[in-house]
Amino acid sequence: MNLLSGYLPQQLTDAEISAEVAAAMAQTGAKGIADMGKVMGVLKAKLAGRADLAKVSAQVKAKLAG
């Protein structure tokens, strides 16, 4: 397992994910939960394989809701 993990892309930290979420929200002009699809569309393409998209989705939802 350790051998294979050396070939996998480095996973992003929570802080890095948060920064990417903020950037995607600014890029799309997202203001509310109705804009979640736009933000996730940008992030899926950018973070695929580098972050757990369920965790990304939770962060987007929390930022857009509050």
PDB file of N, CA and C in Angstrom:
ATOM      1  N   MET A   1       0.825  -1.185   0.000  1.00  0.00           N
ATOM      2  CA  MET A   1       0.000   0.000   0.000  1.00  0.00           C
ATOM      3  C   MET A   1       0.877   1.259   0.000  1.00  0.00           C
ATOM      4  N   ASN A   2       1.924   1.273   0.776  1.00  0.00           N
ATOM      5  CA  ASN A   2       2.811   2.443   0.824  1.00  0.00           C
ATOM      6  C   ASN A   2       3.449   2.705  -0.529  1.00  0.00           C
ATOM      7  N   LEU A   3       3.762   1.649  -1.252  1.00  0.00           N
ATOM      8  CA  LEU A   3       4.354   1.802  -2.571  1.00  0.00           C
ATOM      9  C   LEU A   3       3.384   2.513  -3.516  1.00  0.00           C
ATOM     10  N   LEU A   4       2.138   2.093  -3.497  1.00  0.00           N
ATOM     11  CA  LEU A   4       1.136   2.692  -4.383  1.00  0.00           C
ATOM     12  C   LEU A   4       0.807   4.135  -3.989  1.00  0.00           C
ATOM     13  N   SER A   5       0.777   4.420  -2.701  1.00  0.00           N
ATOM     14  CA  SER A   5       0.416   5.769  -2.270  1.00  0.00           C
ATOM     15  C   SER A   5       1.430   6.811  -2.737  1.00  0.00           C
ATOM     16  N   GLY A   6       2.644   6.394  -3.002  1.00  0.00           N
ATOM     17  CA  GLY A   6       3.654   7.311  -3.519  1.00  0.00           C
ATOM     18  C   GLY A   6       3.350   7.801  -4.918  1.00  0.00           C
ATOM     19  N   TYR A   7       2.523   7.063  -5.653  1.00  0.00           N
ATOM     20  CA  TYR A   7       2.183   7.427  -7.028  1.00  0.00           C
ATOM     21  C   TYR A   7       0.869   8.209  -7.129  1.00  0.00           C
ATOM     22  N   LEU A   8       0.118   8.270  -6.045  1.00  0.00           N
ATOM     23  CA  LEU A   8      -1.157   8.975  -6.052  1.00  0.00           C
ATOM     24  C   LEU A   8      -0.933  10.473  -5.879  1.00  0.00           C
ATOM     25  N   PRO A   9      -1.843  11.285  -6.415  1.00  0.00           N
ATOM     26  CA  PRO A   9      -1.703  12.734  -6.225  1.00  0.00           C
ATOM     27  C   PRO A   9      -1.836  13.100  -4.750  1.00  0.00           C
ATOM     28  N   GLN A  10      -1.132  14.131  -4.343  1.00  0.00           N
ATOM     29  CA  GLN A  10      -1.194  14.612  -2.965  1.00  0.00           C
ATOM     30  C   GLN A  10      -2.586  15.153  -2.673  1.00  0.00           C
ATOM     31  N   GLN A  11      -3.192  14.726  -1.572  1.00  0.00           N
ATOM     32  CA  GLN A  11      -4.512  15.197  -1.187  1.00  0.00           C
ATOM     33  C   GLN A  11      -4.402  16.589  -0.563  1.00  0.00           C
ATOM     34  N   LEU A  12      -5.378  17.423  -0.855  1.00  0.00           N
ATOM     35  CA  LEU A  12      -5.392  18.784  -0.321  1.00  0.00           C
ATOM     36  C   LEU A  12      -5.816  18.785   1.143  1.00  0.00           C
ATOM     37  N   THR A  13      -5.310  19.737   1.892  1.00  0.00           N
ATOM     38  CA  THR A  13      -5.715  19.903   3.288  1.00  0.00           C
ATOM     39  C   THR A  13      -7.047  20.648   3.339  1.00  0.00           C
ATOM     40  N   ASP A  14      -7.663  20.670   4.519  1.00  0.00           N
ATOM     41  CA  ASP A  14      -8.925  21.397   4.679  1.00  0.00           C
ATOM     42  C   ASP A  14      -8.749  22.885   4.374  1.00  0.00           C
ATOM     43  N   ALA A  15      -7.610  23.443   4.770  1.00  0.00           N
ATOM     44  CA  ALA A  15      -7.351  24.864   4.506  1.00  0.00           C
ATOM     45  C   ALA A  15      -7.218  25.128   3.010  1.00  0.00           C
ATOM     46  N   GLU A  16      -6.558  24.224   2.298  1.00  0.00           N
ATOM     47  CA  GLU A  16      -6.404  24.379   0.849  1.00  0.00           C
ATOM     48  C   GLU A  16      -7.756  24.240   0.149  1.00  0.00           C
ATOM     49  N   ILE A  17      -8.573  23.314   0.617  1.00  0.00           N
ATOM     50  CA  ILE A  17      -9.912  23.141   0.047  1.00  0.00           C
ATOM     51  C   ILE A  17     -10.730  24.408   0.288  1.00  0.00           C
ATOM     52  N   SER A  18     -10.649  24.950   1.485  1.00  0.00           N
ATOM     53  CA  SER A  18     -11.385  26.168   1.823  1.00  0.00           C
ATOM     54  C   SER A  18     -10.974  27.326   0.928  1.00  0.00           C
ATOM     55  N   ALA A  19      -9.692  27.436   0.654  1.00  0.00           N
ATOM     56  CA  ALA A  19      -9.201  28.501  -0.227  1.00  0.00           C
ATOM     57  C   ALA A  19      -9.724  28.307  -1.647  1.00  0.00           C
ATOM     58  N   GLU A  20      -9.746  27.072  -2.122  1.00  0.00           N
ATOM     59  CA  GLU A  20     -10.263  26.780  -3.467  1.00  0.00           C
ATOM     60  C   GLU A  20     -11.760  27.077  -3.543  1.00  0.00           C
ATOM     61  N   VAL A  21     -12.492  26.753  -2.480  1.00  0.00           N
ATOM     62  CA  VAL A  21     -13.933  27.037  -2.434  1.00  0.00           C
ATOM     63  C   VAL A  21     -14.171  28.541  -2.511  1.00  0.00           C
ATOM     64  N   ALA A  22     -13.423  29.306  -1.731  1.00  0.00           N
ATOM     65  CA  ALA A  22     -13.568  30.761  -1.737  1.00  0.00           C
ATOM     66  C   ALA A  22     -13.260  31.332  -3.118  1.00  0.00           C
ATOM     67  N   ALA A  23     -12.215  30.819  -3.755  1.00  0.00           N
ATOM     68  CA  ALA A  23     -11.849  31.296  -5.092  1.00  0.00           C
ATOM     69  C   ALA A  23     -12.942  30.966  -6.109  1.00  0.00           C
ATOM     70  N   ALA A  24     -13.496  29.762  -6.021  1.00  0.00           N
ATOM     71  CA  ALA A  24     -14.555  29.363  -6.955  1.00  0.00           C
ATOM     72  C   ALA A  24     -15.821  30.191  -6.737  1.00  0.00           C
ATOM     73  N   MET A  25     -16.123  30.512  -5.485  1.00  0.00           N
ATOM     74  CA  MET A  25     -17.283  31.352  -5.199  1.00  0.00           C
ATOM     75  C   MET A  25     -17.089  32.744  -5.772  1.00  0.00           C
ATOM     76  N   ALA A  26     -15.900  33.279  -5.648  1.00  0.00           N
ATOM     77  CA  ALA A  26     -15.614  34.606  -6.206  1.00  0.00           C
ATOM     78  C   ALA A  26     -15.670  34.574  -7.727  1.00  0.00           C
ATOM     79  N   GLN A  27     -15.140  33.514  -8.315  1.00  0.00           N
ATOM     80  CA  GLN A  27     -15.110  33.382  -9.776  1.00  0.00           C
ATOM     81  C   GLN A  27     -16.513  33.306 -10.360  1.00  0.00           C
ATOM     82  N   THR A  28     -17.409  32.568  -9.685  1.00  0.00           N
ATOM     83  CA  THR A  28     -18.763  32.383 -10.206  1.00  0.00           C
ATOM     84  C   THR A  28     -19.740  33.442  -9.718  1.00  0.00           C
ATOM     85  N   GLY A  29     -19.330  34.232  -8.726  1.00  0.00           N
ATOM     86  CA  GLY A  29     -20.229  35.239  -8.174  1.00  0.00           C
ATOM     87  C   GLY A  29     -21.339  34.635  -7.335  1.00  0.00           C
ATOM     88  N   ALA A  30     -21.094  33.473  -6.765  1.00  0.00           N
ATOM     89  CA  ALA A  30     -22.099  32.759  -5.977  1.00  0.00           C
ATOM     90  C   ALA A  30     -22.467  33.549  -4.726  1.00  0.00           C
ATOM     91  N   LYS A  31     -23.764  33.645  -4.477  1.00  0.00           N
ATOM     92  CA  LYS A  31     -24.266  34.392  -3.331  1.00  0.00           C
ATOM     93  C   LYS A  31     -25.090  33.528  -2.379  1.00  0.00           C
ATOM     94  N   GLY A  32     -25.691  32.472  -2.893  1.00  0.00           N
ATOM     95  CA  GLY A  32     -26.572  31.650  -2.057  1.00  0.00           C
ATOM     96  C   GLY A  32     -26.529  30.194  -2.456  1.00  0.00           C
ATOM     97  N   ILE A  33     -27.284  29.387  -1.742  1.00  0.00           N
ATOM     98  CA  ILE A  33     -27.300  27.941  -1.940  1.00  0.00           C
ATOM     99  C   ILE A  33     -27.751  27.561  -3.354  1.00  0.00           C
ATOM    100  N   ALA A  34     -28.517  28.429  -3.992  1.00  0.00           N
ATOM    101  CA  ALA A  34     -28.971  28.161  -5.359  1.00  0.00           C
ATOM    102  C   ALA A  34     -27.810  28.138  -6.353  1.00  0.00           C
ATOM    103  N   ASP A  35     -26.691  28.731  -5.976  1.00  0.00           N
ATOM    104  CA  ASP A  35     -25.513  28.782  -6.845  1.00  0.00           C
ATOM    105  C   ASP A  35     -24.545  27.622  -6.608  1.00  0.00           C
ATOM    106  N   MET A  36     -24.935  26.660  -5.789  1.00  0.00           N
ATOM    107  CA  MET A  36     -24.035  25.558  -5.446  1.00  0.00           C
ATOM    108  C   MET A  36     -23.589  24.770  -6.676  1.00  0.00           C
ATOM    109  N   GLY A  37     -24.466  24.568  -7.614  1.00  0.00           N
ATOM    110  CA  GLY A  37     -24.127  23.818  -8.829  1.00  0.00           C
ATOM    111  C   GLY A  37     -23.021  24.488  -9.627  1.00  0.00           C
ATOM    112  N   LYS A  38     -23.086  25.806  -9.729  1.00  0.00           N
ATOM    113  CA  LYS A  38     -22.041  26.538 -10.462  1.00  0.00           C
ATOM    114  C   LYS A  38     -20.685  26.376  -9.783  1.00  0.00           C
ATOM    115  N   VAL A  39     -20.684  26.512  -8.465  1.00  0.00           N
ATOM    116  CA  VAL A  39     -19.432  26.427  -7.708  1.00  0.00           C
ATOM    117  C   VAL A  39     -18.870  25.011  -7.792  1.00  0.00           C
ATOM    118  N   MET A  40     -19.717  24.012  -7.609  1.00  0.00           N
ATOM    119  CA  MET A  40     -19.248  22.621  -7.651  1.00  0.00           C
ATOM    120  C   MET A  40     -18.759  22.244  -9.044  1.00  0.00           C
ATOM    121  N   GLY A  41     -19.351  22.803 -10.090  1.00  0.00           N
ATOM    122  CA  GLY A  41     -18.892  22.544 -11.452  1.00  0.00           C
ATOM    123  C   GLY A  41     -17.449  22.981 -11.644  1.00  0.00           C
ATOM    124  N   VAL A  42     -17.117  24.140 -11.109  1.00  0.00           N
ATOM    125  CA  VAL A  42     -15.750  24.653 -11.200  1.00  0.00           C
ATOM    126  C   VAL A  42     -14.810  23.778 -10.373  1.00  0.00           C
ATOM    127  N   LEU A  43     -15.241  23.443  -9.152  1.00  0.00           N
ATOM    128  CA  LEU A  43     -14.374  22.699  -8.244  1.00  0.00           C
ATOM    129  C   LEU A  43     -14.166  21.253  -8.657  1.00  0.00           C
ATOM    130  N   LYS A  44     -15.182  20.613  -9.212  1.00  0.00           N
ATOM    131  CA  LYS A  44     -15.036  19.218  -9.638  1.00  0.00           C
ATOM    132  C   LYS A  44     -13.925  19.086 -10.668  1.00  0.00           C
ATOM    133  N   ALA A  45     -13.917  19.970 -11.629  1.00  0.00           N
ATOM    134  CA  ALA A  45     -12.899  19.920 -12.671  1.00  0.00           C
ATOM    135  C   ALA A  45     -11.509  20.185 -12.099  1.00  0.00           C
ATOM    136  N   LYS A  46     -11.434  21.081 -11.138  1.00  0.00           N
ATOM    137  CA  LYS A  46     -10.144  21.497 -10.597  1.00  0.00           C
ATOM    138  C   LYS A  46      -9.591  20.543  -9.539  1.00  0.00           C
ATOM    139  N   LEU A  47     -10.466  19.935  -8.740  1.00  0.00           N
ATOM    140  CA  LEU A  47     -10.019  19.155  -7.589  1.00  0.00           C
ATOM    141  C   LEU A  47     -10.178  17.643  -7.729  1.00  0.00           C
ATOM    142  N   ALA A  48     -10.672  17.180  -8.849  1.00  0.00           N
ATOM    143  CA  ALA A  48     -10.880  15.747  -9.030  1.00  0.00           C
ATOM    144  C   ALA A  48      -9.586  14.974  -8.789  1.00  0.00           C
ATOM    145  N   GLY A  49      -9.657  13.979  -7.914  1.00  0.00           N
ATOM    146  CA  GLY A  49      -8.497  13.161  -7.596  1.00  0.00           C
ATOM    147  C   GLY A  49      -7.582  13.760  -6.543  1.00  0.00           C
ATOM    148  N   ARG A  50      -7.813  15.019  -6.187  1.00  0.00           N
ATOM    149  CA  ARG A  50      -6.951  15.685  -5.211  1.00  0.00           C
ATOM    150  C   ARG A  50      -7.671  15.984  -3.900  1.00  0.00           C
ATOM    151  N   ALA A  51      -9.003  15.797  -3.897  1.00  0.00           N
ATOM    152  CA  ALA A  51      -9.787  16.067  -2.690  1.00  0.00           C
ATOM    153  C   ALA A  51     -11.048  15.212  -2.711  1.00  0.00           C
ATOM    154  N   ASP A  52     -11.534  14.881  -1.524  1.00  0.00           N
ATOM    155  CA  ASP A  52     -12.790  14.159  -1.381  1.00  0.00           C
ATOM    156  C   ASP A  52     -13.914  15.134  -1.728  1.00  0.00           C
ATOM    157  N   LEU A  53     -14.601  14.882  -2.828  1.00  0.00           N
ATOM    158  CA  LEU A  53     -15.612  15.829  -3.300  1.00  0.00           C
ATOM    159  C   LEU A  53     -16.806  15.935  -2.363  1.00  0.00           C
ATOM    160  N   ALA A  54     -17.050  14.926  -1.531  1.00  0.00           N
ATOM    161  CA  ALA A  54     -18.111  15.034  -0.527  1.00  0.00           C
ATOM    162  C   ALA A  54     -17.719  16.083   0.519  1.00  0.00           C
ATOM    163  N   LYS A  55     -16.456  16.109   0.886  1.00  0.00           N
ATOM    164  CA  LYS A  55     -15.954  17.101   1.842  1.00  0.00           C
ATOM    165  C   LYS A  55     -15.998  18.498   1.216  1.00  0.00           C
ATOM    166  N   VAL A  56     -15.654  18.579  -0.058  1.00  0.00           N
ATOM    167  CA  VAL A  56     -15.707  19.850  -0.782  1.00  0.00           C
ATOM    168  C   VAL A  56     -17.144  20.354  -0.829  1.00  0.00           C
ATOM    169  N   SER A  57     -18.057  19.472  -1.158  1.00  0.00           N
ATOM    170  CA  SER A  57     -19.471  19.830  -1.249  1.00  0.00           C
ATOM    171  C   SER A  57     -20.001  20.347   0.093  1.00  0.00           C
ATOM    172  N   ALA A  58     -19.604  19.699   1.179  1.00  0.00           N
ATOM    173  CA  ALA A  58     -20.028  20.135   2.506  1.00  0.00           C
ATOM    174  C   ALA A  58     -19.515  21.532   2.818  1.00  0.00           C
ATOM    175  N   GLN A  59     -18.273  21.813   2.442  1.00  0.00           N
ATOM    176  CA  GLN A  59     -17.714  23.149   2.684  1.00  0.00           C
ATOM    177  C   GLN A  59     -18.433  24.198   1.850  1.00  0.00           C
ATOM    178  N   VAL A  60     -18.725  23.883   0.590  1.00  0.00           N
ATOM    179  CA  VAL A  60     -19.437  24.825  -0.278  1.00  0.00           C
ATOM    180  C   VAL A  60     -20.810  25.127   0.299  1.00  0.00           C
ATOM    181  N   LYS A  61     -21.509  24.074   0.692  1.00  0.00           N
ATOM    182  CA  LYS A  61     -22.848  24.247   1.253  1.00  0.00           C
ATOM    183  C   LYS A  61     -22.820  25.119   2.507  1.00  0.00           C
ATOM    184  N   ALA A  62     -21.852  24.864   3.387  1.00  0.00           N
ATOM    185  CA  ALA A  62     -21.751  25.637   4.625  1.00  0.00           C
ATOM    186  C   ALA A  62     -21.449  27.103   4.343  1.00  0.00           C
ATOM    187  N   LYS A  63     -20.563  27.377   3.381  1.00  0.00           N
ATOM    188  CA  LYS A  63     -20.209  28.773   3.078  1.00  0.00           C
ATOM    189  C   LYS A  63     -21.363  29.501   2.400  1.00  0.00           C
ATOM    190  N   LEU A  64     -22.092  28.809   1.543  1.00  0.00           N
ATOM    191  CA  LEU A  64     -23.205  29.451   0.840  1.00  0.00           C
ATOM    192  C   LEU A  64     -24.416  29.645   1.749  1.00  0.00           C
ATOM    193  N   ALA A  65     -24.585  28.774   2.728  1.00  0.00           N
ATOM    194  CA  ALA A  65     -25.727  28.870   3.623  1.00  0.00           C
ATOM    195  C   ALA A  65     -25.511  29.927   4.710  1.00  0.00           C
ATOM    196  N   GLY A  66     -24.250  30.170   5.049  1.00  0.00           N
ATOM    197  CA  GLY A  66     -24.034  31.072   6.177  1.00  0.00           C
ATOM    198  C   GLY A  66     -23.203  32.189   5.809  1.00  0.00           C
TER     199      GLY A  66
END
